[in-house]
Amino acid sequence: MASLTRLVLDVLKPHQPSGLEFTRQLAELQPGYRVKYEVVEVDEKTESVVITIEAENIDFEQFNDAISRLGGSLHSVDEVEFNNP
């Protein structure tokens, strides 16, 4: 069965939690997750960010739930990569 190994997400989030805390919490969802946080735009109350996740088997729903729990909203899935070993 193919495994989801890379996701690039467009996310809108409030300024708090900070980018460091937001990224740390996402990375701690599962061992082996690598999470990159890139700010694209900042306004008075929010940040538009690109979140890149890489791992051997990513749980998309877990990330979507965590982003919501942290106050963010998923705008789009911009890149997806599956691997079929």
PDB file of N, CA and C in Angstrom:
ATOM      1  N   MET A   1       0.842  -1.178   0.000  1.00  0.00           N
ATOM      2  CA  MET A   1       0.000   0.000   0.000  1.00  0.00           C
ATOM      3  C   MET A   1       0.892   1.248   0.000  1.00  0.00           C
ATOM      4  N   ALA A   2       0.530   2.229  -0.775  1.00  0.00           N
ATOM      5  CA  ALA A   2       1.299   3.465  -0.876  1.00  0.00           C
ATOM      6  C   ALA A   2       1.199   4.274   0.414  1.00  0.00           C
ATOM      7  N   SER A   3       2.306   4.912   0.775  1.00  0.00           N
ATOM      8  CA  SER A   3       2.368   5.746   1.974  1.00  0.00           C
ATOM      9  C   SER A   3       2.517   7.201   1.575  1.00  0.00           C
ATOM     10  N   LEU A   4       1.814   8.069   2.285  1.00  0.00           N
ATOM     11  CA  LEU A   4       1.939   9.515   2.094  1.00  0.00           C
ATOM     12  C   LEU A   4       3.249   9.954   2.727  1.00  0.00           C
ATOM     13  N   THR A   5       4.180  10.486   1.915  1.00  0.00           N
ATOM     14  CA  THR A   5       5.517  10.820   2.413  1.00  0.00           C
ATOM     15  C   THR A   5       5.821  12.317   2.422  1.00  0.00           C
ATOM     16  N   ARG A   6       4.998  13.111   1.720  1.00  0.00           N
ATOM     17  CA  ARG A   6       5.259  14.556   1.679  1.00  0.00           C
ATOM     18  C   ARG A   6       3.944  15.290   1.447  1.00  0.00           C
ATOM     19  N   LEU A   7       3.750  16.362   2.216  1.00  0.00           N
ATOM     20  CA  LEU A   7       2.584  17.233   2.078  1.00  0.00           C
ATOM     21  C   LEU A   7       3.055  18.676   2.138  1.00  0.00           C
ATOM     22  N   VAL A   8       2.489  19.509   1.283  1.00  0.00           N
ATOM     23  CA  VAL A   8       2.711  20.945   1.369  1.00  0.00           C
ATOM     24  C   VAL A   8       1.337  21.579   1.519  1.00  0.00           C
ATOM     25  N   LEU A   9       1.141  22.282   2.638  1.00  0.00           N
ATOM     26  CA  LEU A   9      -0.159  22.836   2.997  1.00  0.00           C
ATOM     27  C   LEU A   9      -0.114  24.346   3.086  1.00  0.00           C
ATOM     28  N   ASP A  10      -1.144  25.004   2.577  1.00  0.00           N
ATOM     29  CA  ASP A  10      -1.330  26.446   2.725  1.00  0.00           C
ATOM     30  C   ASP A  10      -2.257  26.645   3.914  1.00  0.00           C
ATOM     31  N   VAL A  11      -1.762  27.325   4.941  1.00  0.00           N
ATOM     32  CA  VAL A  11      -2.487  27.447   6.205  1.00  0.00           C
ATOM     33  C   VAL A  11      -2.585  28.912   6.614  1.00  0.00           C
ATOM     34  N   LEU A  12      -3.748  29.301   7.122  1.00  0.00           N
ATOM     35  CA  LEU A  12      -3.939  30.608   7.739  1.00  0.00           C
ATOM     36  C   LEU A  12      -4.006  30.381   9.241  1.00  0.00           C
ATOM     37  N   LYS A  13      -3.177  31.123   9.997  1.00  0.00           N
ATOM     38  CA  LYS A  13      -3.154  30.935  11.451  1.00  0.00           C
ATOM     39  C   LYS A  13      -3.058  32.277  12.153  1.00  0.00           C
ATOM     40  N   PRO A  14      -3.538  32.348  13.397  1.00  0.00           N
ATOM     41  CA  PRO A  14      -3.343  33.569  14.179  1.00  0.00           C
ATOM     42  C   PRO A  14      -1.868  33.710  14.563  1.00  0.00           C
ATOM     43  N   HIS A  15      -1.480  34.894  15.019  1.00  0.00           N
ATOM     44  CA  HIS A  15      -0.086  35.118  15.411  1.00  0.00           C
ATOM     45  C   HIS A  15       0.333  34.229  16.588  1.00  0.00           C
ATOM     46  N   GLN A  16      -0.608  33.863  17.430  1.00  0.00           N
ATOM     47  CA  GLN A  16      -0.311  32.990  18.558  1.00  0.00           C
ATOM     48  C   GLN A  16      -1.063  31.689  18.392  1.00  0.00           C
ATOM     49  N   PRO A  17      -0.476  30.540  18.547  1.00  0.00           N
ATOM     50  CA  PRO A  17       0.888  30.345  18.997  1.00  0.00           C
ATOM     51  C   PRO A  17       1.903  30.799  17.943  1.00  0.00           C
ATOM     52  N   SER A  18       3.100  31.063  18.410  1.00  0.00           N
ATOM     53  CA  SER A  18       4.171  31.505  17.520  1.00  0.00           C
ATOM     54  C   SER A  18       4.485  30.421  16.487  1.00  0.00           C
ATOM     55  N   GLY A  19       5.190  30.806  15.449  1.00  0.00           N
ATOM     56  CA  GLY A  19       5.605  29.839  14.435  1.00  0.00           C
ATOM     57  C   GLY A  19       6.441  28.715  15.013  1.00  0.00           C
ATOM     58  N   LEU A  20       7.311  29.044  15.973  1.00  0.00           N
ATOM     59  CA  LEU A  20       8.131  28.009  16.619  1.00  0.00           C
ATOM     60  C   LEU A  20       7.274  26.992  17.351  1.00  0.00           C
ATOM     61  N   GLU A  21       6.318  27.483  18.142  1.00  0.00           N
ATOM     62  CA  GLU A  21       5.455  26.595  18.918  1.00  0.00           C
ATOM     63  C   GLU A  21       4.530  25.793  17.998  1.00  0.00           C
ATOM     64  N   PHE A  22       3.962  26.449  17.000  1.00  0.00           N
ATOM     65  CA  PHE A  22       3.076  25.798  16.037  1.00  0.00           C
ATOM     66  C   PHE A  22       3.800  24.645  15.350  1.00  0.00           C
ATOM     67  N   THR A  23       4.997  24.903  14.869  1.00  0.00           N
ATOM     68  CA  THR A  23       5.781  23.894  14.157  1.00  0.00           C
ATOM     69  C   THR A  23       6.210  22.767  15.094  1.00  0.00           C
ATOM     70  N   ARG A  24       6.628  23.113  16.304  1.00  0.00           N
ATOM     71  CA  ARG A  24       7.044  22.088  17.276  1.00  0.00           C
ATOM     72  C   ARG A  24       5.892  21.132  17.570  1.00  0.00           C
ATOM     73  N   GLN A  25       4.703  21.688  17.792  1.00  0.00           N
ATOM     74  CA  GLN A  25       3.560  20.830  18.116  1.00  0.00           C
ATOM     75  C   GLN A  25       3.189  19.913  16.948  1.00  0.00           C
ATOM     76  N   LEU A  26       3.300  20.420  15.735  1.00  0.00           N
ATOM     77  CA  LEU A  26       3.024  19.561  14.580  1.00  0.00           C
ATOM     78  C   LEU A  26       4.076  18.464  14.454  1.00  0.00           C
ATOM     79  N   ALA A  27       5.339  18.808  14.654  1.00  0.00           N
ATOM     80  CA  ALA A  27       6.415  17.824  14.539  1.00  0.00           C
ATOM     81  C   ALA A  27       6.300  16.732  15.604  1.00  0.00           C
ATOM     82  N   GLU A  28       5.751  17.069  16.750  1.00  0.00           N
ATOM     83  CA  GLU A  28       5.636  16.107  17.844  1.00  0.00           C
ATOM     84  C   GLU A  28       4.432  15.180  17.724  1.00  0.00           C
ATOM     85  N   LEU A  29       3.650  15.307  16.647  1.00  0.00           N
ATOM     86  CA  LEU A  29       2.492  14.429  16.489  1.00  0.00           C
ATOM     87  C   LEU A  29       2.895  12.962  16.362  1.00  0.00           C
ATOM     88  N   GLN A  30       3.995  12.689  15.662  1.00  0.00           N
ATOM     89  CA  GLN A  30       4.481  11.325  15.485  1.00  0.00           C
ATOM     90  C   GLN A  30       6.001  11.353  15.403  1.00  0.00           C
ATOM     91  N   PRO A  31       6.683  10.336  15.899  1.00  0.00           N
ATOM     92  CA  PRO A  31       8.133  10.254  15.716  1.00  0.00           C
ATOM     93  C   PRO A  31       8.464  10.207  14.223  1.00  0.00           C
ATOM     94  N   GLY A  32       9.518  10.888  13.838  1.00  0.00           N
ATOM     95  CA  GLY A  32       9.979  10.858  12.460  1.00  0.00           C
ATOM     96  C   GLY A  32       9.406  11.943  11.563  1.00  0.00           C
ATOM     97  N   TYR A  33       8.476  12.754  12.083  1.00  0.00           N
ATOM     98  CA  TYR A  33       7.925  13.840  11.268  1.00  0.00           C
ATOM     99  C   TYR A  33       8.926  14.979  11.170  1.00  0.00           C
ATOM    100  N   ARG A  34       9.144  15.470   9.947  1.00  0.00           N
ATOM    101  CA  ARG A  34       9.922  16.691   9.712  1.00  0.00           C
ATOM    102  C   ARG A  34       8.953  17.740   9.216  1.00  0.00           C
ATOM    103  N   VAL A  35       8.934  18.896   9.884  1.00  0.00           N
ATOM    104  CA  VAL A  35       7.970  19.939   9.554  1.00  0.00           C
ATOM    105  C   VAL A  35       8.705  21.247   9.312  1.00  0.00           C
ATOM    106  N   LYS A  36       8.424  21.860   8.173  1.00  0.00           N
ATOM    107  CA  LYS A  36       9.005  23.151   7.810  1.00  0.00           C
ATOM    108  C   LYS A  36       7.890  24.188   7.801  1.00  0.00           C
ATOM    109  N   TYR A  37       8.169  25.363   8.316  1.00  0.00           N
ATOM    110  CA  TYR A  37       7.201  26.457   8.453  1.00  0.00           C
ATOM    111  C   TYR A  37       7.746  27.655   7.687  1.00  0.00           C
ATOM    112  N   GLU A  38       6.995  28.151   6.718  1.00  0.00           N
ATOM    113  CA  GLU A  38       7.436  29.289   5.920  1.00  0.00           C
ATOM    114  C   GLU A  38       6.330  30.347   5.886  1.00  0.00           C
ATOM    115  N   VAL A  39       6.651  31.549   6.349  1.00  0.00           N
ATOM    116  CA  VAL A  39       5.688  32.650   6.348  1.00  0.00           C
ATOM    117  C   VAL A  39       5.628  33.249   4.945  1.00  0.00           C
ATOM    118  N   VAL A  40       4.408  33.380   4.437  1.00  0.00           N
ATOM    119  CA  VAL A  40       4.201  33.935   3.106  1.00  0.00           C
ATOM    120  C   VAL A  40       3.670  35.363   3.193  1.00  0.00           C
ATOM    121  N   GLU A  41       2.779  35.593   4.165  1.00  0.00           N
ATOM    122  CA  GLU A  41       2.167  36.912   4.315  1.00  0.00           C
ATOM    123  C   GLU A  41       1.733  37.102   5.763  1.00  0.00           C
ATOM    124  N   VAL A  42       1.836  38.345   6.233  1.00  0.00           N
ATOM    125  CA  VAL A  42       1.437  38.680   7.598  1.00  0.00           C
ATOM    126  C   VAL A  42       0.495  39.871   7.530  1.00  0.00           C
ATOM    127  N   ASP A  43      -0.605  39.798   8.287  1.00  0.00           N
ATOM    128  CA  ASP A  43      -1.444  40.978   8.430  1.00  0.00           C
ATOM    129  C   ASP A  43      -1.638  41.245   9.920  1.00  0.00           C
ATOM    130  N   GLU A  44      -2.561  42.094  10.252  1.00  0.00           N
ATOM    131  CA  GLU A  44      -2.724  42.534  11.637  1.00  0.00           C
ATOM    132  C   GLU A  44      -3.015  41.393  12.610  1.00  0.00           C
ATOM    133  N   LYS A  45      -3.813  40.402  12.188  1.00  0.00           N
ATOM    134  CA  LYS A  45      -4.235  39.349  13.103  1.00  0.00           C
ATOM    135  C   LYS A  45      -3.777  37.945  12.720  1.00  0.00           C
ATOM    136  N   THR A  46      -3.362  37.752  11.470  1.00  0.00           N
ATOM    137  CA  THR A  46      -3.064  36.398  11.007  1.00  0.00           C
ATOM    138  C   THR A  46      -1.770  36.327  10.204  1.00  0.00           C
ATOM    139  N   GLU A  47      -1.353  35.093   9.966  1.00  0.00           N
ATOM    140  CA  GLU A  47      -0.205  34.801   9.112  1.00  0.00           C
ATOM    141  C   GLU A  47      -0.641  33.750   8.089  1.00  0.00           C
ATOM    142  N   SER A  48      -0.282  33.943   6.833  1.00  0.00           N
ATOM    143  CA  SER A  48      -0.426  32.897   5.822  1.00  0.00           C
ATOM    144  C   SER A  48       0.911  32.178   5.767  1.00  0.00           C
ATOM    145  N   VAL A  49       0.862  30.866   5.951  1.00  0.00           N
ATOM    146  CA  VAL A  49       2.096  30.093   6.010  1.00  0.00           C
ATOM    147  C   VAL A  49       1.992  28.858   5.124  1.00  0.00           C
ATOM    148  N   VAL A  50       3.153  28.382   4.706  1.00  0.00           N
ATOM    149  CA  VAL A  50       3.244  27.120   3.988  1.00  0.00           C
ATOM    150  C   VAL A  50       3.899  26.128   4.931  1.00  0.00           C
ATOM    151  N   ILE A  51       3.209  25.029   5.177  1.00  0.00           N
ATOM    152  CA  ILE A  51       3.707  23.976   6.050  1.00  0.00           C
ATOM    153  C   ILE A  51       4.088  22.786   5.170  1.00  0.00           C
ATOM    154  N   THR A  52       5.345  22.353   5.267  1.00  0.00           N
ATOM    155  CA  THR A  52       5.809  21.183   4.531  1.00  0.00           C
ATOM    156  C   THR A  52       6.093  20.080   5.531  1.00  0.00           C
ATOM    157  N   ILE A  53       5.480  18.921   5.314  1.00  0.00           N
ATOM    158  CA  ILE A  53       5.646  17.773   6.204  1.00  0.00           C
ATOM    159  C   ILE A  53       6.261  16.634   5.406  1.00  0.00           C
ATOM    160  N   GLU A  54       7.285  16.013   5.968  1.00  0.00           N
ATOM    161  CA  GLU A  54       7.896  14.844   5.353  1.00  0.00           C
ATOM    162  C   GLU A  54       8.052  13.755   6.407  1.00  0.00           C
ATOM    163  N   ALA A  55       7.728  12.535   6.020  1.00  0.00           N
ATOM    164  CA  ALA A  55       7.853  11.378   6.911  1.00  0.00           C
ATOM    165  C   ALA A  55       7.643  10.124   6.079  1.00  0.00           C
ATOM    166  N   GLU A  56       7.828   8.974   6.692  1.00  0.00           N
ATOM    167  CA  GLU A  56       7.624   7.716   5.982  1.00  0.00           C
ATOM    168  C   GLU A  56       6.154   7.407   5.761  1.00  0.00           C
ATOM    169  N   ASN A  57       5.294   7.882   6.673  1.00  0.00           N
ATOM    170  CA  ASN A  57       3.857   7.618   6.545  1.00  0.00           C
ATOM    171  C   ASN A  57       3.099   8.704   7.304  1.00  0.00           C
ATOM    172  N   ILE A  58       2.647   9.723   6.597  1.00  0.00           N
ATOM    173  CA  ILE A  58       1.988  10.881   7.208  1.00  0.00           C
ATOM    174  C   ILE A  58       0.499  10.600   7.396  1.00  0.00           C
ATOM    175  N   ASP A  59      -0.015  10.953   8.554  1.00  0.00           N
ATOM    176  CA  ASP A  59      -1.441  10.867   8.845  1.00  0.00           C
ATOM    177  C   ASP A  59      -2.049  12.247   8.588  1.00  0.00           C
ATOM    178  N   PHE A  60      -2.639  12.443   7.410  1.00  0.00           N
ATOM    179  CA  PHE A  60      -3.179  13.740   7.018  1.00  0.00           C
ATOM    180  C   PHE A  60      -4.240  14.242   7.995  1.00  0.00           C
ATOM    181  N   GLU A  61      -5.159  13.381   8.390  1.00  0.00           N
ATOM    182  CA  GLU A  61      -6.242  13.799   9.291  1.00  0.00           C
ATOM    183  C   GLU A  61      -5.700  14.285  10.632  1.00  0.00           C
ATOM    184  N   GLN A  62      -4.655  13.655  11.111  1.00  0.00           N
ATOM    185  CA  GLN A  62      -4.025  14.067  12.365  1.00  0.00           C
ATOM    186  C   GLN A  62      -3.479  15.490  12.232  1.00  0.00           C
ATOM    187  N   PHE A  63      -2.855  15.799  11.095  1.00  0.00           N
ATOM    188  CA  PHE A  63      -2.344  17.151  10.868  1.00  0.00           C
ATOM    189  C   PHE A  63      -3.473  18.152  10.735  1.00  0.00           C
ATOM    190  N   ASN A  64      -4.487  17.810   9.991  1.00  0.00           N
ATOM    191  CA  ASN A  64      -5.620  18.718   9.810  1.00  0.00           C
ATOM    192  C   ASN A  64      -6.269  19.039  11.157  1.00  0.00           C
ATOM    193  N   ASP A  65      -6.469  18.032  11.987  1.00  0.00           N
ATOM    194  CA  ASP A  65      -7.046  18.243  13.322  1.00  0.00           C
ATOM    195  C   ASP A  65      -6.143  19.113  14.192  1.00  0.00           C
ATOM    196  N   ALA A  66      -4.833  18.862  14.151  1.00  0.00           N
ATOM    197  CA  ALA A  66      -3.892  19.635  14.972  1.00  0.00           C
ATOM    198  C   ALA A  66      -3.847  21.094  14.527  1.00  0.00           C
ATOM    199  N   ILE A  67      -3.875  21.344  13.233  1.00  0.00           N
ATOM    200  CA  ILE A  67      -3.881  22.717  12.730  1.00  0.00           C
ATOM    201  C   ILE A  67      -5.107  23.448  13.243  1.00  0.00           C
ATOM    202  N   SER A  68      -6.267  22.808  13.193  1.00  0.00           N
ATOM    203  CA  SER A  68      -7.504  23.409  13.708  1.00  0.00           C
ATOM    204  C   SER A  68      -7.419  23.659  15.206  1.00  0.00           C
ATOM    205  N   ARG A  69      -6.908  22.677  15.938  1.00  0.00           N
ATOM    206  CA  ARG A  69      -6.780  22.801  17.392  1.00  0.00           C
ATOM    207  C   ARG A  69      -5.872  23.972  17.778  1.00  0.00           C
ATOM    208  N   LEU A  70      -4.874  24.256  16.935  1.00  0.00           N
ATOM    209  CA  LEU A  70      -3.937  25.351  17.193  1.00  0.00           C
ATOM    210  C   LEU A  70      -4.460  26.702  16.669  1.00  0.00           C
ATOM    211  N   GLY A  71      -5.704  26.716  16.181  1.00  0.00           N
ATOM    212  CA  GLY A  71      -6.326  27.964  15.749  1.00  0.00           C
ATOM    213  C   GLY A  71      -6.172  28.274  14.276  1.00  0.00           C
ATOM    214  N   GLY A  72      -5.561  27.369  13.522  1.00  0.00           N
ATOM    215  CA  GLY A  72      -5.347  27.602  12.098  1.00  0.00           C
ATOM    216  C   GLY A  72      -6.450  26.995  11.250  1.00  0.00           C
ATOM    217  N   SER A  73      -6.429  27.334   9.975  1.00  0.00           N
ATOM    218  CA  SER A  73      -7.355  26.706   9.032  1.00  0.00           C
ATOM    219  C   SER A  73      -6.595  26.351   7.761  1.00  0.00           C
ATOM    220  N   LEU A  74      -6.870  25.165   7.265  1.00  0.00           N
ATOM    221  CA  LEU A  74      -6.230  24.662   6.061  1.00  0.00           C
ATOM    222  C   LEU A  74      -6.906  25.299   4.856  1.00  0.00           C
ATOM    223  N   HIS A  75      -6.146  26.052   4.069  1.00  0.00           N
ATOM    224  CA  HIS A  75      -6.681  26.668   2.855  1.00  0.00           C
ATOM    225  C   HIS A  75      -6.605  25.725   1.669  1.00  0.00           C
ATOM    226  N   SER A  76      -5.471  25.053   1.515  1.00  0.00           N
ATOM    227  CA  SER A  76      -5.337  24.132   0.386  1.00  0.00           C
ATOM    228  C   SER A  76      -4.201  23.151   0.621  1.00  0.00           C
ATOM    229  N   VAL A  77      -4.286  22.037  -0.088  1.00  0.00           N
ATOM    230  CA  VAL A  77      -3.201  21.065  -0.148  1.00  0.00           C
ATOM    231  C   VAL A  77      -2.500  21.342  -1.472  1.00  0.00           C
ATOM    232  N   ASP A  78      -1.285  21.873  -1.400  1.00  0.00           N
ATOM    233  CA  ASP A  78      -0.584  22.338  -2.600  1.00  0.00           C
ATOM    234  C   ASP A  78       0.335  21.302  -3.228  1.00  0.00           C
ATOM    235  N   GLU A  79       0.740  20.326  -2.461  1.00  0.00           N
ATOM    236  CA  GLU A  79       1.635  19.296  -3.002  1.00  0.00           C
ATOM    237  C   GLU A  79       1.444  18.019  -2.193  1.00  0.00           C
ATOM    238  N   VAL A  80       1.427  16.890  -2.894  1.00  0.00           N
ATOM    239  CA  VAL A  80       1.264  15.590  -2.261  1.00  0.00           C
ATOM    240  C   VAL A  80       2.234  14.611  -2.920  1.00  0.00           C
ATOM    241  N   GLU A  81       2.849  13.772  -2.093  1.00  0.00           N
ATOM    242  CA  GLU A  81       3.740  12.745  -2.639  1.00  0.00           C
ATOM    243  C   GLU A  81       3.483  11.430  -1.905  1.00  0.00           C
ATOM    244  N   PHE A  82       3.260  10.390  -2.672  1.00  0.00           N
ATOM    245  CA  PHE A  82       3.098   9.040  -2.119  1.00  0.00           C
ATOM    246  C   PHE A  82       4.266   8.189  -2.578  1.00  0.00           C
ATOM    247  N   ASN A  83       4.597   7.201  -1.760  1.00  0.00           N
ATOM    248  CA  ASN A  83       5.646   6.247  -2.093  1.00  0.00           C
ATOM    249  C   ASN A  83       5.063   4.846  -1.939  1.00  0.00           C
ATOM    250  N   ASN A  84       5.307   4.008  -2.940  1.00  0.00           N
ATOM    251  CA  ASN A  84       4.834   2.631  -2.881  1.00  0.00           C
ATOM    252  C   ASN A  84       6.063   1.713  -2.884  1.00  0.00           C
ATOM    253  N   PRO A  85       6.502   1.377  -1.661  1.00  0.00           N
ATOM    254  CA  PRO A  85       7.741   0.584  -1.559  1.00  0.00           C
ATOM    255  C   PRO A  85       7.632  -0.806  -2.148  1.00  0.00           C
TER     256      PRO A  85
END
